[in-house]
Amino acid sequence: MNSVALTRWSGEDAQRRVAKRYAAERRFKLLGLLAVGISVAFLVFLLATMLVRGVGGLSATFLAGSDSTDPAMAGVWGALKGSFLTILVTIGLAFPVGVLSAVYLEEFAPRNRWTDLIEVSINNLAAVPSIIFGLLGLAVFLNVLHLPRSAPLVGGLTLALMTMPVIVIAGRNAIKSVPPSIRDAALGVGASKMQVVFHHVLPLALPGILTGTIIGMARALGETAPLLMIGMRAFIAAPPQGISDPATVLPVQIFLWSDEVSRGFVEKTSAAIIVLLVFMLLMNGLAIYLRNRFERRW
């Protein structure tokens, strides 16, 4: 009788338990809504502050000009072009190497102590501070390989080293999420291991891989410390014509302007932040479009 009474849902005790559960659910939803509201409020405050301070600095001269000691003539075109060239080098190296590394580790590599060591090393590299990669770029690319200083080539190589572990980890997780039944079905109809991976597994894992790439590229686009270490803080009066020309990037340009004594650079700094945010939104929007374009259902 006692066990029957405990499972009965018509008594007052049962109704109180149900009411308590619903109350806890409402409190949790309210807490989540509050967290989202705080995040959106901070974002709106940031955007509103930057718009109020920097909208007056947005002009044709500002968007088409390069760095200058005169705040009235200073512009972001040189830094914007440098950022674009640097990101092109970064994604051109980090994406294929990261994806192929993820495919090999997840589909072809034997399970032994060496692959375990590689996996631990990749996970640790993803958590290394970015300035360490700047020191690595300074030591290897500039002091050993003698590549051109303050060039998008060196900046892209340095950011590729920083971004690659993120792409590898995201790629492995995306490949793991593909159901084993798809592999078994492809092998059952006579497909080779390479055909299974590149014709079936990789296309299905591509949206998840692109998500990791978006996160890595967004992080690389906003980095300053590693680029400062390789000399991309120099005064560049002319936009770069190629990946080996001296250049700077938008985050470094914003950092340099924020350190200027002249009050005229305050407005330029806010305007440059607006340009950087728009540039990041456009790049992320393009990446999200490509991810949705290649997404497949199973």
C-alpha atoms as a PDB file:
ATOM      1  CA  MET A   1       0.000   0.000   0.000  1.00  0.00           C
ATOM      2  CA  ASN A   2       2.827   2.374   0.809  1.00  0.00           C
ATOM      3  CA  SER A   3       4.441   1.905  -2.619  1.00  0.00           C
ATOM      4  CA  VAL A   4       1.083   2.492  -4.300  1.00  0.00           C
ATOM      5  CA  ALA A   5       0.561   5.643  -2.292  1.00  0.00           C
ATOM      6  CA  LEU A   6       3.978   6.954  -3.254  1.00  0.00           C
ATOM      7  CA  THR A   7       3.272   6.588  -6.982  1.00  0.00           C
ATOM      8  CA  ARG A   8      -0.248   8.049  -6.817  1.00  0.00           C
ATOM      9  CA  TRP A   9      -0.479  11.428  -8.610  1.00  0.00           C
ATOM     10  CA  SER A  10      -3.839  12.553  -7.275  1.00  0.00           C
ATOM     11  CA  GLY A  11      -2.845  13.384  -3.700  1.00  0.00           C
ATOM     12  CA  GLU A  12      -1.782  16.745  -2.323  1.00  0.00           C
ATOM     13  CA  ASP A  13       1.855  15.627  -1.893  1.00  0.00           C
ATOM     14  CA  ALA A  14       2.077  14.599  -5.538  1.00  0.00           C
ATOM     15  CA  GLN A  15       0.599  17.889  -6.664  1.00  0.00           C
ATOM     16  CA  ARG A  16       3.117  19.783  -4.554  1.00  0.00           C
ATOM     17  CA  ARG A  17       5.963  17.798  -6.096  1.00  0.00           C
ATOM     18  CA  VAL A  18       4.693  18.549  -9.597  1.00  0.00           C
ATOM     19  CA  ALA A  19       4.270  22.237  -8.757  1.00  0.00           C
ATOM     20  CA  LYS A  20       7.808  22.337  -7.366  1.00  0.00           C
ATOM     21  CA  ARG A  21       9.191  20.800 -10.556  1.00  0.00           C
ATOM     22  CA  TYR A  22       7.356  23.291 -12.759  1.00  0.00           C
ATOM     23  CA  ALA A  23       8.565  26.140 -10.547  1.00  0.00           C
ATOM     24  CA  ALA A  24      12.170  24.945 -10.860  1.00  0.00           C
ATOM     25  CA  GLU A  25      11.752  24.734 -14.648  1.00  0.00           C
ATOM     26  CA  ARG A  26      10.395  28.284 -14.777  1.00  0.00           C
ATOM     27  CA  ARG A  27      13.298  29.561 -12.664  1.00  0.00           C
ATOM     28  CA  PHE A  28      15.798  27.854 -14.970  1.00  0.00           C
ATOM     29  CA  LYS A  29      14.159  29.348 -18.078  1.00  0.00           C
ATOM     30  CA  LEU A  30      14.172  32.761 -16.427  1.00  0.00           C
ATOM     31  CA  LEU A  31      17.854  32.390 -15.549  1.00  0.00           C
ATOM     32  CA  GLY A  32      18.674  31.429 -19.144  1.00  0.00           C
ATOM     33  CA  LEU A  33      16.650  34.337 -20.493  1.00  0.00           C
ATOM     34  CA  LEU A  34      18.466  36.672 -18.105  1.00  0.00           C
ATOM     35  CA  ALA A  35      21.847  35.393 -19.289  1.00  0.00           C
ATOM     36  CA  VAL A  36      20.866  35.930 -22.932  1.00  0.00           C
ATOM     37  CA  GLY A  37      19.555  39.394 -22.105  1.00  0.00           C
ATOM     38  CA  ILE A  38      22.809  40.386 -20.393  1.00  0.00           C
ATOM     39  CA  SER A  39      24.851  39.161 -23.373  1.00  0.00           C
ATOM     40  CA  VAL A  40      22.665  41.034 -25.861  1.00  0.00           C
ATOM     41  CA  ALA A  41      22.748  44.155 -23.672  1.00  0.00           C
ATOM     42  CA  PHE A  42      26.563  44.160 -23.633  1.00  0.00           C
ATOM     43  CA  LEU A  43      26.650  43.685 -27.408  1.00  0.00           C
ATOM     44  CA  VAL A  44      24.141  46.484 -27.994  1.00  0.00           C
ATOM     45  CA  PHE A  45      26.059  48.753 -25.616  1.00  0.00           C
ATOM     46  CA  LEU A  46      29.319  48.047 -27.457  1.00  0.00           C
ATOM     47  CA  LEU A  47      27.807  48.634 -30.884  1.00  0.00           C
ATOM     48  CA  ALA A  48      25.969  51.769 -29.788  1.00  0.00           C
ATOM     49  CA  THR A  49      29.094  53.212 -28.158  1.00  0.00           C
ATOM     50  CA  MET A  50      31.225  52.544 -31.212  1.00  0.00           C
ATOM     51  CA  LEU A  51      28.587  53.980 -33.554  1.00  0.00           C
ATOM     52  CA  VAL A  52      28.189  57.157 -31.512  1.00  0.00           C
ATOM     53  CA  ARG A  53      31.924  57.712 -31.278  1.00  0.00           C
ATOM     54  CA  GLY A  54      32.975  56.538 -34.717  1.00  0.00           C
ATOM     55  CA  VAL A  55      30.186  57.165 -37.206  1.00  0.00           C
ATOM     56  CA  GLY A  56      31.447  60.694 -37.721  1.00  0.00           C
ATOM     57  CA  GLY A  57      34.842  59.335 -38.805  1.00  0.00           C
ATOM     58  CA  LEU A  58      33.456  57.100 -41.546  1.00  0.00           C
ATOM     59  CA  SER A  59      34.100  58.804 -44.859  1.00  0.00           C
ATOM     60  CA  ALA A  60      35.482  58.072 -48.307  1.00  0.00           C
ATOM     61  CA  THR A  61      38.882  59.389 -47.246  1.00  0.00           C
ATOM     62  CA  PHE A  62      38.894  57.151 -44.176  1.00  0.00           C
ATOM     63  CA  LEU A  63      37.884  54.017 -46.092  1.00  0.00           C
ATOM     64  CA  ALA A  64      40.266  54.614 -49.008  1.00  0.00           C
ATOM     65  CA  GLY A  65      43.292  55.992 -47.131  1.00  0.00           C
ATOM     66  CA  SER A  66      46.191  54.434 -45.289  1.00  0.00           C
ATOM     67  CA  ASP A  67      47.878  55.247 -42.009  1.00  0.00           C
ATOM     68  CA  SER A  68      48.984  58.814 -41.472  1.00  0.00           C
ATOM     69  CA  THR A  69      50.362  60.984 -38.702  1.00  0.00           C
ATOM     70  CA  ASP A  70      47.558  63.449 -39.436  1.00  0.00           C
ATOM     71  CA  PRO A  71      44.257  62.139 -38.005  1.00  0.00           C
ATOM     72  CA  ALA A  72      42.288  63.963 -40.708  1.00  0.00           C
ATOM     73  CA  MET A  73      44.101  61.965 -43.433  1.00  0.00           C
ATOM     74  CA  ALA A  74      44.348  58.599 -41.662  1.00  0.00           C
ATOM     75  CA  GLY A  75      42.439  55.672 -43.184  1.00  0.00           C
ATOM     76  CA  VAL A  76      41.978  51.935 -42.908  1.00  0.00           C
ATOM     77  CA  TRP A  77      42.337  50.713 -46.484  1.00  0.00           C
ATOM     78  CA  GLY A  78      45.956  49.642 -45.982  1.00  0.00           C
ATOM     79  CA  ALA A  79      45.144  47.762 -42.759  1.00  0.00           C
ATOM     80  CA  LEU A  80      41.984  46.263 -44.276  1.00  0.00           C
ATOM     81  CA  LYS A  81      43.898  44.969 -47.280  1.00  0.00           C
ATOM     82  CA  GLY A  82      46.630  43.644 -44.996  1.00  0.00           C
ATOM     83  CA  SER A  83      44.011  41.798 -42.919  1.00  0.00           C
ATOM     84  CA  PHE A  84      42.484  40.294 -46.057  1.00  0.00           C
ATOM     85  CA  LEU A  85      45.833  39.083 -47.400  1.00  0.00           C
ATOM     86  CA  THR A  86      46.835  37.705 -43.993  1.00  0.00           C
ATOM     87  CA  ILE A  87      43.567  35.778 -43.617  1.00  0.00           C
ATOM     88  CA  LEU A  88      43.939  34.391 -47.151  1.00  0.00           C
ATOM     89  CA  VAL A  89      47.363  32.976 -46.264  1.00  0.00           C
ATOM     90  CA  THR A  90      46.013  31.670 -42.950  1.00  0.00           C
ATOM     91  CA  ILE A  91      43.022  29.831 -44.373  1.00  0.00           C
ATOM     92  CA  GLY A  92      44.982  28.643 -47.430  1.00  0.00           C
ATOM     93  CA  LEU A  93      47.388  26.800 -45.139  1.00  0.00           C
ATOM     94  CA  ALA A  94      45.395  25.985 -41.997  1.00  0.00           C
ATOM     95  CA  PHE A  95      42.222  24.617 -43.644  1.00  0.00           C
ATOM     96  CA  PRO A  96      43.643  21.904 -45.943  1.00  0.00           C
ATOM     97  CA  VAL A  97      46.370  20.835 -43.504  1.00  0.00           C
ATOM     98  CA  GLY A  98      43.959  20.818 -40.564  1.00  0.00           C
ATOM     99  CA  VAL A  99      41.260  18.864 -42.407  1.00  0.00           C
ATOM    100  CA  LEU A 100      43.694  16.290 -43.793  1.00  0.00           C
ATOM    101  CA  SER A 101      45.234  15.871 -40.339  1.00  0.00           C
ATOM    102  CA  ALA A 102      41.789  15.297 -38.831  1.00  0.00           C
ATOM    103  CA  VAL A 103      40.910  12.758 -41.535  1.00  0.00           C
ATOM    104  CA  TYR A 104      44.151  10.842 -41.045  1.00  0.00           C
ATOM    105  CA  LEU A 105      43.952  10.779 -37.242  1.00  0.00           C
ATOM    106  CA  GLU A 106      40.302   9.718 -37.217  1.00  0.00           C
ATOM    107  CA  GLU A 107      40.129   7.313 -40.162  1.00  0.00           C
ATOM    108  CA  PHE A 108      43.599   5.960 -40.963  1.00  0.00           C
ATOM    109  CA  ALA A 109      45.975   6.359 -38.013  1.00  0.00           C
ATOM    110  CA  PRO A 110      46.585   3.272 -35.857  1.00  0.00           C
ATOM    111  CA  ARG A 111      45.676   3.483 -32.191  1.00  0.00           C
ATOM    112  CA  ASN A 112      48.975   3.466 -30.293  1.00  0.00           C
ATOM    113  CA  ARG A 113      50.987   5.621 -27.911  1.00  0.00           C
ATOM    114  CA  TRP A 114      52.276   7.849 -30.713  1.00  0.00           C
ATOM    115  CA  THR A 115      48.852   8.854 -31.934  1.00  0.00           C
ATOM    116  CA  ASP A 116      47.793   9.367 -28.310  1.00  0.00           C
ATOM    117  CA  LEU A 117      50.772  11.686 -27.874  1.00  0.00           C
ATOM    118  CA  ILE A 118      49.830  13.578 -31.041  1.00  0.00           C
ATOM    119  CA  GLU A 119      46.239  13.991 -29.855  1.00  0.00           C
ATOM    120  CA  VAL A 120      47.345  15.327 -26.471  1.00  0.00           C
ATOM    121  CA  SER A 121      49.783  17.706 -28.178  1.00  0.00           C
ATOM    122  CA  ILE A 122      47.078  19.068 -30.494  1.00  0.00           C
ATOM    123  CA  ASN A 123      44.708  19.625 -27.568  1.00  0.00           C
ATOM    124  CA  ASN A 124      47.443  21.429 -25.667  1.00  0.00           C
ATOM    125  CA  LEU A 125      48.345  23.593 -28.677  1.00  0.00           C
ATOM    126  CA  ALA A 126      44.732  24.772 -28.915  1.00  0.00           C
ATOM    127  CA  ALA A 127      45.078  26.239 -25.394  1.00  0.00           C
ATOM    128  CA  VAL A 128      48.500  27.869 -25.836  1.00  0.00           C
ATOM    129  CA  PRO A 129      48.451  31.696 -25.505  1.00  0.00           C
ATOM    130  CA  SER A 130      48.628  33.432 -28.845  1.00  0.00           C
ATOM    131  CA  ILE A 131      51.769  35.380 -27.980  1.00  0.00           C
ATOM    132  CA  ILE A 132      53.683  32.087 -27.835  1.00  0.00           C
ATOM    133  CA  PHE A 133      52.875  31.546 -31.505  1.00  0.00           C
ATOM    134  CA  GLY A 134      54.156  35.066 -32.134  1.00  0.00           C
ATOM    135  CA  LEU A 135      57.461  34.161 -30.509  1.00  0.00           C
ATOM    136  CA  LEU A 136      57.555  30.987 -32.616  1.00  0.00           C
ATOM    137  CA  GLY A 137      56.932  32.972 -35.789  1.00  0.00           C
ATOM    138  CA  LEU A 138      59.644  35.453 -34.818  1.00  0.00           C
ATOM    139  CA  ALA A 139      62.165  32.690 -34.137  1.00  0.00           C
ATOM    140  CA  VAL A 140      61.418  30.457 -37.135  1.00  0.00           C
ATOM    141  CA  PHE A 141      60.020  32.563 -39.973  1.00  0.00           C
ATOM    142  CA  LEU A 142      62.089  35.708 -39.401  1.00  0.00           C
ATOM    143  CA  ASN A 143      65.321  34.652 -37.674  1.00  0.00           C
ATOM    144  CA  VAL A 144      65.791  31.239 -39.337  1.00  0.00           C
ATOM    145  CA  LEU A 145      63.984  31.379 -42.690  1.00  0.00           C
ATOM    146  CA  HIS A 146      64.568  35.151 -43.105  1.00  0.00           C
ATOM    147  CA  LEU A 147      61.139  35.817 -44.570  1.00  0.00           C
ATOM    148  CA  PRO A 148      60.154  39.476 -45.101  1.00  0.00           C
ATOM    149  CA  ARG A 149      59.373  41.239 -41.850  1.00  0.00           C
ATOM    150  CA  SER A 150      55.911  42.734 -41.270  1.00  0.00           C
ATOM    151  CA  ALA A 151      54.474  40.901 -44.293  1.00  0.00           C
ATOM    152  CA  PRO A 152      51.064  39.184 -44.604  1.00  0.00           C
ATOM    153  CA  LEU A 153      52.956  36.014 -45.553  1.00  0.00           C
ATOM    154  CA  VAL A 154      54.628  35.781 -42.145  1.00  0.00           C
ATOM    155  CA  GLY A 155      51.486  36.934 -40.343  1.00  0.00           C
ATOM    156  CA  GLY A 156      49.401  34.319 -42.158  1.00  0.00           C
ATOM    157  CA  LEU A 157      51.882  31.539 -41.394  1.00  0.00           C
ATOM    158  CA  THR A 158      51.928  32.491 -37.715  1.00  0.00           C
ATOM    159  CA  LEU A 159      48.136  32.646 -37.462  1.00  0.00           C
ATOM    160  CA  ALA A 160      47.869  29.353 -39.363  1.00  0.00           C
ATOM    161  CA  LEU A 161      49.938  27.642 -36.672  1.00  0.00           C
ATOM    162  CA  MET A 162      47.599  29.101 -34.055  1.00  0.00           C
ATOM    163  CA  THR A 163      44.397  28.184 -35.924  1.00  0.00           C
ATOM    164  CA  MET A 164      45.301  24.701 -37.110  1.00  0.00           C
ATOM    165  CA  PRO A 165      44.716  22.872 -33.776  1.00  0.00           C
ATOM    166  CA  VAL A 166      41.188  24.330 -33.568  1.00  0.00           C
ATOM    167  CA  ILE A 167      40.384  23.076 -37.076  1.00  0.00           C
ATOM    168  CA  VAL A 168      41.859  19.641 -36.343  1.00  0.00           C
ATOM    169  CA  ILE A 169      39.799  19.231 -33.157  1.00  0.00           C
ATOM    170  CA  ALA A 170      36.591  20.441 -34.805  1.00  0.00           C
ATOM    171  CA  GLY A 171      37.254  18.268 -37.852  1.00  0.00           C
ATOM    172  CA  ARG A 172      37.766  15.132 -35.766  1.00  0.00           C
ATOM    173  CA  ASN A 173      34.561  15.766 -33.820  1.00  0.00           C
ATOM    174  CA  ALA A 174      32.638  16.309 -37.060  1.00  0.00           C
ATOM    175  CA  ILE A 175      34.017  13.101 -38.568  1.00  0.00           C
ATOM    176  CA  LYS A 176      33.127  11.171 -35.404  1.00  0.00           C
ATOM    177  CA  SER A 177      29.538  12.406 -35.653  1.00  0.00           C
ATOM    178  CA  VAL A 178      29.000  10.668 -39.011  1.00  0.00           C
ATOM    179  CA  PRO A 179      27.043   7.439 -38.295  1.00  0.00           C
ATOM    180  CA  PRO A 180      29.079   4.215 -38.684  1.00  0.00           C
ATOM    181  CA  SER A 181      26.220   2.785 -40.752  1.00  0.00           C
ATOM    182  CA  ILE A 182      27.186   5.078 -43.631  1.00  0.00           C
ATOM    183  CA  ARG A 183      30.711   3.675 -43.633  1.00  0.00           C
ATOM    184  CA  ASP A 184      29.409   0.108 -43.422  1.00  0.00           C
ATOM    185  CA  ALA A 185      26.936   0.666 -46.257  1.00  0.00           C
ATOM    186  CA  ALA A 186      29.620   2.144 -48.520  1.00  0.00           C
ATOM    187  CA  LEU A 187      32.035  -0.701 -47.750  1.00  0.00           C
ATOM    188  CA  GLY A 188      29.205  -3.182 -48.321  1.00  0.00           C
ATOM    189  CA  VAL A 189      28.692  -2.057 -51.915  1.00  0.00           C
ATOM    190  CA  GLY A 190      32.404  -2.366 -52.702  1.00  0.00           C
ATOM    191  CA  ALA A 191      33.801   1.122 -52.007  1.00  0.00           C
ATOM    192  CA  SER A 192      37.434   1.386 -50.965  1.00  0.00           C
ATOM    193  CA  LYS A 193      38.525   3.036 -47.747  1.00  0.00           C
ATOM    194  CA  MET A 194      39.534   6.206 -49.610  1.00  0.00           C
ATOM    195  CA  GLN A 195      36.192   6.329 -51.427  1.00  0.00           C
ATOM    196  CA  VAL A 196      34.311   5.890 -48.165  1.00  0.00           C
ATOM    197  CA  VAL A 197      36.195   8.763 -46.554  1.00  0.00           C
ATOM    198  CA  PHE A 198      36.246  11.271 -49.401  1.00  0.00           C
ATOM    199  CA  HIS A 199      32.909  10.436 -51.091  1.00  0.00           C
ATOM    200  CA  HIS A 200      30.729   9.817 -48.040  1.00  0.00           C
ATOM    201  CA  VAL A 201      32.253  10.709 -44.653  1.00  0.00           C
ATOM    202  CA  LEU A 202      33.966  13.984 -45.521  1.00  0.00           C
ATOM    203  CA  PRO A 203      30.989  15.587 -47.342  1.00  0.00           C
ATOM    204  CA  LEU A 204      28.731  14.790 -44.374  1.00  0.00           C
ATOM    205  CA  ALA A 205      31.294  16.123 -41.898  1.00  0.00           C
ATOM    206  CA  LEU A 206      32.009  19.282 -43.902  1.00  0.00           C
ATOM    207  CA  PRO A 207      29.434  21.530 -42.127  1.00  0.00           C
ATOM    208  CA  GLY A 208      30.971  20.726 -38.737  1.00  0.00           C
ATOM    209  CA  ILE A 209      34.460  21.272 -40.127  1.00  0.00           C
ATOM    210  CA  LEU A 210      33.428  24.654 -41.511  1.00  0.00           C
ATOM    211  CA  THR A 211      32.006  25.588 -38.104  1.00  0.00           C
ATOM    212  CA  GLY A 212      35.405  24.974 -36.514  1.00  0.00           C
ATOM    213  CA  THR A 213      37.053  26.900 -39.331  1.00  0.00           C
ATOM    214  CA  ILE A 214      34.735  29.870 -38.714  1.00  0.00           C
ATOM    215  CA  ILE A 215      35.695  29.907 -35.033  1.00  0.00           C
ATOM    216  CA  GLY A 216      39.391  29.669 -35.866  1.00  0.00           C
ATOM    217  CA  MET A 217      39.282  32.388 -38.504  1.00  0.00           C
ATOM    218  CA  ALA A 218      37.309  34.722 -36.240  1.00  0.00           C
ATOM    219  CA  ARG A 219      39.956  34.258 -33.562  1.00  0.00           C
ATOM    220  CA  ALA A 220      42.768  34.837 -36.058  1.00  0.00           C
ATOM    221  CA  LEU A 221      41.117  37.952 -37.482  1.00  0.00           C
ATOM    222  CA  GLY A 222      40.980  39.600 -34.061  1.00  0.00           C
ATOM    223  CA  GLU A 223      44.483  38.675 -32.896  1.00  0.00           C
ATOM    224  CA  THR A 224      47.051  41.336 -32.132  1.00  0.00           C
ATOM    225  CA  ALA A 225      49.785  39.901 -29.894  1.00  0.00           C
ATOM    226  CA  PRO A 226      51.379  37.400 -32.340  1.00  0.00           C
ATOM    227  CA  LEU A 227      51.393  39.976 -35.139  1.00  0.00           C
ATOM    228  CA  LEU A 228      53.069  42.543 -32.913  1.00  0.00           C
ATOM    229  CA  MET A 229      55.846  40.021 -32.264  1.00  0.00           C
ATOM    230  CA  ILE A 230      56.633  39.647 -35.984  1.00  0.00           C
ATOM    231  CA  GLY A 231      56.772  43.396 -36.615  1.00  0.00           C
ATOM    232  CA  MET A 232      53.347  44.165 -38.084  1.00  0.00           C
ATOM    233  CA  ARG A 233      53.107  47.284 -35.941  1.00  0.00           C
ATOM    234  CA  ALA A 234      55.297  49.369 -38.238  1.00  0.00           C
ATOM    235  CA  PHE A 235      54.020  52.619 -39.763  1.00  0.00           C
ATOM    236  CA  ILE A 236      52.800  51.622 -43.246  1.00  0.00           C
ATOM    237  CA  ALA A 237      51.923  54.593 -45.433  1.00  0.00           C
ATOM    238  CA  ALA A 238      51.036  52.599 -48.583  1.00  0.00           C
ATOM    239  CA  PRO A 239      48.704  49.586 -48.956  1.00  0.00           C
ATOM    240  CA  PRO A 240      50.478  46.256 -49.620  1.00  0.00           C
ATOM    241  CA  GLN A 241      50.469  44.984 -53.191  1.00  0.00           C
ATOM    242  CA  GLY A 242      51.151  41.348 -52.298  1.00  0.00           C
ATOM    243  CA  ILE A 243      51.688  38.938 -49.457  1.00  0.00           C
ATOM    244  CA  SER A 244      55.405  39.761 -49.235  1.00  0.00           C
ATOM    245  CA  ASP A 245      55.008  43.554 -48.938  1.00  0.00           C
ATOM    246  CA  PRO A 246      55.120  45.321 -45.554  1.00  0.00           C
ATOM    247  CA  ALA A 247      51.622  45.625 -44.093  1.00  0.00           C
ATOM    248  CA  THR A 248      49.595  45.935 -40.951  1.00  0.00           C
ATOM    249  CA  VAL A 249      46.183  44.570 -39.946  1.00  0.00           C
ATOM    250  CA  LEU A 250      43.050  46.144 -38.515  1.00  0.00           C
ATOM    251  CA  PRO A 251      43.450  44.996 -34.877  1.00  0.00           C
ATOM    252  CA  VAL A 252      47.039  46.276 -34.784  1.00  0.00           C
ATOM    253  CA  GLN A 253      45.994  49.534 -36.460  1.00  0.00           C
ATOM    254  CA  ILE A 254      43.283  50.013 -33.817  1.00  0.00           C
ATOM    255  CA  PHE A 255      45.824  49.287 -31.072  1.00  0.00           C
ATOM    256  CA  LEU A 256      48.274  51.835 -32.452  1.00  0.00           C
ATOM    257  CA  TRP A 257      45.631  54.544 -32.873  1.00  0.00           C
ATOM    258  CA  SER A 258      44.284  53.972 -29.367  1.00  0.00           C
ATOM    259  CA  ASP A 259      47.767  54.723 -28.034  1.00  0.00           C
ATOM    260  CA  GLU A 260      48.035  58.049 -29.884  1.00  0.00           C
ATOM    261  CA  VAL A 261      48.083  61.243 -27.841  1.00  0.00           C
ATOM    262  CA  SER A 262      46.116  63.272 -30.392  1.00  0.00           C
ATOM    263  CA  ARG A 263      42.393  63.459 -29.647  1.00  0.00           C
ATOM    264  CA  GLY A 264      41.652  63.195 -33.349  1.00  0.00           C
ATOM    265  CA  PHE A 265      42.548  59.511 -33.315  1.00  0.00           C
ATOM    266  CA  VAL A 266      39.799  58.684 -30.784  1.00  0.00           C
ATOM    267  CA  GLU A 267      37.155  58.990 -33.476  1.00  0.00           C
ATOM    268  CA  LYS A 268      39.361  57.115 -35.953  1.00  0.00           C
ATOM    269  CA  THR A 269      39.796  54.259 -33.474  1.00  0.00           C
ATOM    270  CA  SER A 270      36.032  53.835 -33.036  1.00  0.00           C
ATOM    271  CA  ALA A 271      35.474  54.051 -36.791  1.00  0.00           C
ATOM    272  CA  ALA A 272      38.149  51.389 -37.367  1.00  0.00           C
ATOM    273  CA  ILE A 273      36.436  49.126 -34.816  1.00  0.00           C
ATOM    274  CA  ILE A 274      33.188  49.493 -36.791  1.00  0.00           C
ATOM    275  CA  VAL A 275      35.001  48.510 -39.993  1.00  0.00           C
ATOM    276  CA  LEU A 276      36.583  45.514 -38.237  1.00  0.00           C
ATOM    277  CA  LEU A 277      33.206  44.334 -36.922  1.00  0.00           C
ATOM    278  CA  VAL A 278      31.627  44.665 -40.373  1.00  0.00           C
ATOM    279  CA  PHE A 279      34.568  42.811 -41.941  1.00  0.00           C
ATOM    280  CA  MET A 280      34.232  39.976 -39.413  1.00  0.00           C
ATOM    281  CA  LEU A 281      30.470  39.766 -39.921  1.00  0.00           C
ATOM    282  CA  LEU A 282      30.900  39.564 -43.697  1.00  0.00           C
ATOM    283  CA  MET A 283      33.523  36.827 -43.449  1.00  0.00           C
ATOM    284  CA  ASN A 284      31.513  34.849 -40.910  1.00  0.00           C
ATOM    285  CA  GLY A 285      28.368  35.297 -42.998  1.00  0.00           C
ATOM    286  CA  LEU A 286      30.146  33.918 -46.056  1.00  0.00           C
ATOM    287  CA  ALA A 287      31.460  30.958 -44.061  1.00  0.00           C
ATOM    288  CA  ILE A 288      28.011  30.234 -42.599  1.00  0.00           C
ATOM    289  CA  TYR A 289      26.491  30.387 -46.084  1.00  0.00           C
ATOM    290  CA  LEU A 290      29.049  27.875 -47.362  1.00  0.00           C
ATOM    291  CA  ARG A 291      28.426  25.635 -44.359  1.00  0.00           C
ATOM    292  CA  ASN A 292      24.669  25.645 -44.971  1.00  0.00           C
ATOM    293  CA  ARG A 293      25.248  25.201 -48.692  1.00  0.00           C
ATOM    294  CA  PHE A 294      27.185  21.961 -48.188  1.00  0.00           C
ATOM    295  CA  GLU A 295      25.076  20.650 -45.294  1.00  0.00           C
ATOM    296  CA  ARG A 296      23.455  17.285 -45.923  1.00  0.00           C
ATOM    297  CA  ARG A 297      20.802  15.421 -43.989  1.00  0.00           C
ATOM    298  CA  TRP A 298      20.853  11.741 -43.161  1.00  0.00           C
END
